[in-house]
Structure formats: C-alpha cells, structure tokens
Amino acid sequence: MAEGIFRQPKAVSMRSPHRHRAQYLRGRS
C-alpha cells in the first residue's frame, strides 16, 4: 500500500481518497 502512495503524485494522493488509491494500485498491478 505504501508503494502506491509513494509512486502516486502527492497532489493526487491528497486529492483522491483511499478508493482512488486502491484503483490506482489495481490498474498498476
């Protein structure tokens, strides 16, 4: 999970909630 947050841009991380983070990780995986 931490990897996704670090890889993601800080702006996106702060802007998008956990839901967005999960989707990002899913698409990345």
PDB file of N, CA and C in Angstrom:
ATOM      1  N   MET A   1       0.845  -1.210   0.000  1.00  0.00           N
ATOM      2  CA  MET A   1       0.000   0.000   0.000  1.00  0.00           C
ATOM      3  C   MET A   1       0.874   1.252   0.000  1.00  0.00           C
ATOM      4  N   ALA A   2       1.886   1.248   0.834  1.00  0.00           N
ATOM      5  CA  ALA A   2       2.768   2.426   0.903  1.00  0.00           C
ATOM      6  C   ALA A   2       3.370   2.705  -0.469  1.00  0.00           C
ATOM      7  N   GLU A   3       3.717   1.650  -1.183  1.00  0.00           N
ATOM      8  CA  GLU A   3       4.324   1.841  -2.518  1.00  0.00           C
ATOM      9  C   GLU A   3       3.403   2.667  -3.407  1.00  0.00           C
ATOM     10  N   GLY A   4       2.129   2.337  -3.399  1.00  0.00           N
ATOM     11  CA  GLY A   4       1.176   3.058  -4.247  1.00  0.00           C
ATOM     12  C   GLY A   4       1.161   4.545  -3.908  1.00  0.00           C
ATOM     13  N   ILE A   5       1.156   4.845  -2.618  1.00  0.00           N
ATOM     14  CA  ILE A   5       1.108   6.256  -2.207  1.00  0.00           C
ATOM     15  C   ILE A   5       2.379   6.970  -2.666  1.00  0.00           C
ATOM     16  N   PHE A   6       3.509   6.321  -2.477  1.00  0.00           N
ATOM     17  CA  PHE A   6       4.779   6.958  -2.850  1.00  0.00           C
ATOM     18  C   PHE A   6       4.884   7.127  -4.358  1.00  0.00           C
ATOM     19  N   ARG A   7       4.460   6.113  -5.084  1.00  0.00           N
ATOM     20  CA  ARG A   7       4.542   6.189  -6.558  1.00  0.00           C
ATOM     21  C   ARG A   7       3.587   7.269  -7.069  1.00  0.00           C
ATOM     22  N   GLN A   8       2.444   7.350  -6.453  1.00  0.00           N
ATOM     23  CA  GLN A   8       1.455   8.351  -6.901  1.00  0.00           C
ATOM     24  C   GLN A   8       1.942   9.765  -6.596  1.00  0.00           C
ATOM     25  N   PRO A   9       1.552  10.730  -7.393  1.00  0.00           N
ATOM     26  CA  PRO A   9       1.924  12.124  -7.127  1.00  0.00           C
ATOM     27  C   PRO A   9       1.297  12.594  -5.812  1.00  0.00           C
ATOM     28  N   LYS A  10       2.000  13.420  -5.081  1.00  0.00           N
ATOM     29  CA  LYS A  10       1.464  13.897  -3.792  1.00  0.00           C
ATOM     30  C   LYS A  10       0.110  14.574  -4.001  1.00  0.00           C
ATOM     31  N   ALA A  11      -0.015  15.366  -5.031  1.00  0.00           N
ATOM     32  CA  ALA A  11      -1.281  16.069  -5.287  1.00  0.00           C
ATOM     33  C   ALA A  11      -2.418  15.060  -5.439  1.00  0.00           C
ATOM     34  N   VAL A  12      -2.183  14.040  -6.236  1.00  0.00           N
ATOM     35  CA  VAL A  12      -3.236  13.040  -6.474  1.00  0.00           C
ATOM     36  C   VAL A  12      -3.545  12.298  -5.172  1.00  0.00           C
ATOM     37  N   SER A  13      -2.495  11.935  -4.445  1.00  0.00           N
ATOM     38  CA  SER A  13      -2.687  11.199  -3.192  1.00  0.00           C
ATOM     39  C   SER A  13      -3.573  11.993  -2.229  1.00  0.00           C
ATOM     40  N   MET A  14      -3.264  13.276  -2.097  1.00  0.00           N
ATOM     41  CA  MET A  14      -4.039  14.111  -1.166  1.00  0.00           C
ATOM     42  C   MET A  14      -5.450  14.368  -1.717  1.00  0.00           C
ATOM     43  N   ARG A  15      -5.529  14.506  -3.027  1.00  0.00           N
ATOM     44  CA  ARG A  15      -6.820  14.821  -3.648  1.00  0.00           C
ATOM     45  C   ARG A  15      -7.733  13.587  -3.646  1.00  0.00           C
ATOM     46  N   SER A  16      -7.218  12.455  -4.057  1.00  0.00           N
ATOM     47  CA  SER A  16      -8.058  11.258  -4.136  1.00  0.00           C
ATOM     48  C   SER A  16      -8.053  10.497  -2.806  1.00  0.00           C
ATOM     49  N   PRO A  17      -9.177   9.942  -2.421  1.00  0.00           N
ATOM     50  CA  PRO A  17      -9.282   9.192  -1.164  1.00  0.00           C
ATOM     51  C   PRO A  17      -8.704   7.782  -1.316  1.00  0.00           C
ATOM     52  N   HIS A  18      -8.901   6.953  -0.294  1.00  0.00           N
ATOM     53  CA  HIS A  18      -8.382   5.583  -0.334  1.00  0.00           C
ATOM     54  C   HIS A  18      -8.929   4.833  -1.548  1.00  0.00           C
ATOM     55  N   ARG A  19     -10.153   5.162  -1.899  1.00  0.00           N
ATOM     56  CA  ARG A  19     -10.786   4.453  -3.019  1.00  0.00           C
ATOM     57  C   ARG A  19      -9.939   4.623  -4.279  1.00  0.00           C
ATOM     58  N   HIS A  20      -9.549   5.857  -4.536  1.00  0.00           N
ATOM     59  CA  HIS A  20      -8.752   6.126  -5.734  1.00  0.00           C
ATOM     60  C   HIS A  20      -7.424   5.379  -5.659  1.00  0.00           C
ATOM     61  N   ARG A  21      -6.853   5.351  -4.459  1.00  0.00           N
ATOM     62  CA  ARG A  21      -5.559   4.680  -4.282  1.00  0.00           C
ATOM     63  C   ARG A  21      -5.691   3.201  -4.637  1.00  0.00           C
ATOM     64  N   ALA A  22      -6.765   2.578  -4.190  1.00  0.00           N
ATOM     65  CA  ALA A  22      -6.969   1.155  -4.477  1.00  0.00           C
ATOM     66  C   ALA A  22      -7.070   0.933  -5.982  1.00  0.00           C
ATOM     67  N   GLN A  23      -7.832   1.793  -6.639  1.00  0.00           N
ATOM     68  CA  GLN A  23      -7.999   1.658  -8.094  1.00  0.00           C
ATOM     69  C   GLN A  23      -6.646   1.814  -8.782  1.00  0.00           C
ATOM     70  N   TYR A  24      -5.866   2.769  -8.326  1.00  0.00           N
ATOM     71  CA  TYR A  24      -4.553   3.019  -8.925  1.00  0.00           C
ATOM     72  C   TYR A  24      -3.676   1.767  -8.793  1.00  0.00           C
ATOM     73  N   LEU A  25      -3.680   1.199  -7.596  1.00  0.00           N
ATOM     74  CA  LEU A  25      -2.859   0.001  -7.370  1.00  0.00           C
ATOM     75  C   LEU A  25      -3.358  -1.148  -8.240  1.00  0.00           C
ATOM     76  N   ARG A  26      -4.667  -1.263  -8.352  1.00  0.00           N
ATOM     77  CA  ARG A  26      -5.256  -2.352  -9.145  1.00  0.00           C
ATOM     78  C   ARG A  26      -4.814  -2.220 -10.603  1.00  0.00           C
ATOM     79  N   GLY A  27      -4.939  -1.021 -11.151  1.00  0.00           N
ATOM     80  CA  GLY A  27      -4.557  -0.817 -12.554  1.00  0.00           C
ATOM     81  C   GLY A  27      -3.051  -1.019 -12.725  1.00  0.00           C
ATOM     82  N   ARG A  28      -2.279  -0.604 -11.723  1.00  0.00           N
ATOM     83  CA  ARG A  28      -0.819  -0.730 -11.812  1.00  0.00           C
ATOM     84  C   ARG A  28      -0.415  -2.207 -11.769  1.00  0.00           C
ATOM     85  N   SER A  29      -1.017  -2.956 -10.858  1.00  0.00           N
ATOM     86  CA  SER A  29      -0.639  -4.372 -10.692  1.00  0.00           C
ATOM     87  C   SER A  29      -0.829  -5.152 -11.972  1.00  0.00           C
TER      88      SER A  29
END
